[in-house]
Amino acid sequence: MSAGQWWFCLKHLAVEPDEGCPNKDRMGPYATREEAAAALQTAAARNKQWQESDKDWDGD
């Protein structure tokens, strides 16, 4: 396992090290286990930021 490689498995909704499910079923890699555990929250926050940026771009 590479140091600092953590993934969030979308199939099992669990944090995994490098050895785990195929990458197509995971989000990452993340530097820490904690960052991987927060993957869904991080993605949701980024999506919200992008949606707000799109509103600004579209003039809404």
N, C-alpha and C. Protein backbone atom coordinates (compact mmCIF):
# COMPACT_ATOMS: atom_id res chain seq x y z
N MET A 1 0.85 -1.19 0.00
CA MET A 1 0.00 0.00 0.00
C MET A 1 0.88 1.24 0.00
N SER A 2 0.54 2.20 -0.82
CA SER A 2 1.25 3.47 -0.84
C SER A 2 0.83 4.31 0.35
N ALA A 3 1.77 4.97 0.96
CA ALA A 3 1.45 5.83 2.10
C ALA A 3 0.56 6.97 1.65
N GLY A 4 -0.45 7.26 2.43
CA GLY A 4 -1.31 8.39 2.14
C GLY A 4 -2.34 8.16 1.06
N GLN A 5 -2.59 6.92 0.68
CA GLN A 5 -3.57 6.63 -0.35
C GLN A 5 -4.82 6.01 0.27
N TRP A 6 -5.87 6.81 0.37
CA TRP A 6 -7.14 6.34 0.92
C TRP A 6 -8.24 6.63 -0.09
N TRP A 7 -9.24 5.79 -0.12
CA TRP A 7 -10.33 5.87 -1.08
C TRP A 7 -11.65 5.74 -0.35
N PHE A 8 -12.72 6.29 -0.94
CA PHE A 8 -14.07 6.08 -0.42
C PHE A 8 -14.81 5.21 -1.41
N CYS A 9 -15.23 4.03 -0.97
CA CYS A 9 -15.92 3.07 -1.83
C CYS A 9 -17.40 3.43 -1.90
N LEU A 10 -17.88 3.70 -3.11
CA LEU A 10 -19.29 4.05 -3.31
C LEU A 10 -20.19 2.82 -3.23
N LYS A 11 -19.61 1.66 -3.43
CA LYS A 11 -20.38 0.41 -3.38
C LYS A 11 -20.68 0.01 -1.94
N HIS A 12 -19.69 0.16 -1.08
CA HIS A 12 -19.81 -0.26 0.32
C HIS A 12 -19.96 0.90 1.29
N LEU A 13 -19.86 2.14 0.76
CA LEU A 13 -19.92 3.35 1.60
C LEU A 13 -18.95 3.26 2.76
N ALA A 14 -17.71 2.93 2.40
CA ALA A 14 -16.67 2.75 3.41
C ALA A 14 -15.33 3.25 2.90
N VAL A 15 -14.46 3.62 3.81
CA VAL A 15 -13.10 4.03 3.49
C VAL A 15 -12.26 2.79 3.27
N GLU A 16 -11.41 2.84 2.23
CA GLU A 16 -10.54 1.70 1.90
C GLU A 16 -9.12 2.18 1.65
N PRO A 17 -8.14 1.31 1.92
CA PRO A 17 -6.76 1.61 1.50
C PRO A 17 -6.64 1.29 0.01
N ASP A 18 -5.43 1.36 -0.54
CA ASP A 18 -5.24 1.06 -1.96
C ASP A 18 -5.83 -0.28 -2.36
N GLU A 19 -5.64 -1.28 -1.52
CA GLU A 19 -6.21 -2.59 -1.82
C GLU A 19 -7.69 -2.53 -1.47
N GLY A 20 -8.51 -2.63 -2.46
CA GLY A 20 -9.94 -2.55 -2.22
C GLY A 20 -10.70 -2.76 -3.52
N CYS A 21 -11.85 -2.19 -3.59
CA CYS A 21 -12.69 -2.31 -4.77
C CYS A 21 -12.03 -1.63 -5.97
N PRO A 22 -12.50 -1.95 -7.17
CA PRO A 22 -11.94 -1.28 -8.36
C PRO A 22 -12.16 0.24 -8.29
N ASN A 23 -11.24 0.98 -8.88
CA ASN A 23 -11.31 2.44 -8.82
C ASN A 23 -12.60 2.98 -9.42
N LYS A 24 -13.23 2.27 -10.33
CA LYS A 24 -14.48 2.74 -10.93
C LYS A 24 -15.59 2.85 -9.89
N ASP A 25 -15.44 2.16 -8.76
CA ASP A 25 -16.42 2.18 -7.69
C ASP A 25 -16.01 3.06 -6.51
N ARG A 26 -14.92 3.86 -6.71
CA ARG A 26 -14.39 4.61 -5.57
C ARG A 26 -14.14 6.06 -5.93
N MET A 27 -14.08 6.89 -4.89
CA MET A 27 -13.67 8.29 -5.01
C MET A 27 -12.30 8.42 -4.35
N GLY A 28 -11.43 9.18 -4.99
CA GLY A 28 -10.12 9.38 -4.41
C GLY A 28 -9.04 9.30 -5.48
N PRO A 29 -7.81 9.23 -5.05
CA PRO A 29 -7.35 9.00 -3.70
C PRO A 29 -7.32 10.27 -2.85
N TYR A 30 -7.33 10.04 -1.56
CA TYR A 30 -7.23 11.11 -0.57
C TYR A 30 -5.98 10.88 0.26
N ALA A 31 -5.43 11.96 0.81
CA ALA A 31 -4.19 11.89 1.58
C ALA A 31 -4.38 11.24 2.94
N THR A 32 -5.57 11.39 3.52
CA THR A 32 -5.81 10.82 4.85
C THR A 32 -7.10 10.03 4.87
N ARG A 33 -7.21 9.17 5.85
CA ARG A 33 -8.43 8.38 6.05
C ARG A 33 -9.62 9.32 6.33
N GLU A 34 -9.38 10.38 7.06
CA GLU A 34 -10.43 11.33 7.41
C GLU A 34 -10.96 12.06 6.17
N GLU A 35 -10.05 12.44 5.27
CA GLU A 35 -10.48 13.09 4.03
C GLU A 35 -11.33 12.14 3.19
N ALA A 36 -10.93 10.88 3.14
CA ALA A 36 -11.70 9.89 2.39
C ALA A 36 -13.08 9.70 3.02
N ALA A 37 -13.16 9.70 4.33
CA ALA A 37 -14.44 9.52 5.03
C ALA A 37 -15.39 10.67 4.73
N ALA A 38 -14.85 11.84 4.43
CA ALA A 38 -15.68 13.02 4.14
C ALA A 38 -15.88 13.22 2.64
N ALA A 39 -15.60 12.22 1.83
CA ALA A 39 -15.65 12.36 0.36
C ALA A 39 -17.01 12.83 -0.13
N LEU A 40 -18.09 12.26 0.36
CA LEU A 40 -19.42 12.65 -0.12
C LEU A 40 -19.76 14.08 0.27
N GLN A 41 -19.38 14.49 1.47
CA GLN A 41 -19.62 15.86 1.90
C GLN A 41 -18.78 16.84 1.08
N THR A 42 -17.54 16.47 0.81
CA THR A 42 -16.66 17.31 0.01
C THR A 42 -17.22 17.48 -1.40
N ALA A 43 -17.68 16.38 -1.99
CA ALA A 43 -18.26 16.45 -3.34
C ALA A 43 -19.52 17.31 -3.35
N ALA A 44 -20.36 17.17 -2.34
CA ALA A 44 -21.59 17.97 -2.27
C ALA A 44 -21.26 19.46 -2.15
N ALA A 45 -20.27 19.80 -1.33
CA ALA A 45 -19.88 21.20 -1.16
C ALA A 45 -19.31 21.76 -2.47
N ARG A 46 -18.50 20.98 -3.16
CA ARG A 46 -17.94 21.44 -4.43
C ARG A 46 -19.04 21.61 -5.47
N ASN A 47 -19.98 20.67 -5.51
CA ASN A 47 -21.09 20.80 -6.46
C ASN A 47 -21.88 22.07 -6.20
N LYS A 48 -22.12 22.39 -4.93
CA LYS A 48 -22.85 23.60 -4.59
C LYS A 48 -22.09 24.84 -5.05
N GLN A 49 -20.77 24.84 -4.83
CA GLN A 49 -19.94 25.97 -5.27
C GLN A 49 -20.01 26.12 -6.79
N TRP A 50 -19.93 25.01 -7.51
CA TRP A 50 -19.97 25.05 -8.97
C TRP A 50 -21.34 25.54 -9.46
N GLN A 51 -22.41 25.12 -8.79
CA GLN A 51 -23.74 25.58 -9.17
C GLN A 51 -23.87 27.08 -8.96
N GLU A 52 -23.32 27.57 -7.86
CA GLU A 52 -23.36 29.01 -7.59
C GLU A 52 -22.53 29.77 -8.64
N SER A 53 -21.39 29.22 -9.00
CA SER A 53 -20.55 29.85 -10.04
C SER A 53 -21.29 29.87 -11.37
N ASP A 54 -22.01 28.80 -11.69
CA ASP A 54 -22.78 28.75 -12.92
C ASP A 54 -23.87 29.82 -12.92
N LYS A 55 -24.51 30.03 -11.77
CA LYS A 55 -25.54 31.09 -11.67
C LYS A 55 -24.92 32.44 -11.97
N ASP A 56 -23.72 32.70 -11.41
CA ASP A 56 -23.04 33.96 -11.65
C ASP A 56 -22.69 34.09 -13.14
N TRP A 57 -22.22 33.02 -13.73
CA TRP A 57 -21.83 33.01 -15.14
C TRP A 57 -23.05 33.24 -16.04
N ASP A 58 -24.17 32.57 -15.70
CA ASP A 58 -25.38 32.67 -16.51
C ASP A 58 -26.14 33.97 -16.26
N GLY A 59 -25.78 34.69 -15.21
CA GLY A 59 -26.45 35.94 -14.90
C GLY A 59 -27.76 35.75 -14.14
N ASP A 60 -27.96 34.61 -13.53
CA ASP A 60 -29.19 34.33 -12.75
C ASP A 60 -29.08 34.86 -11.33
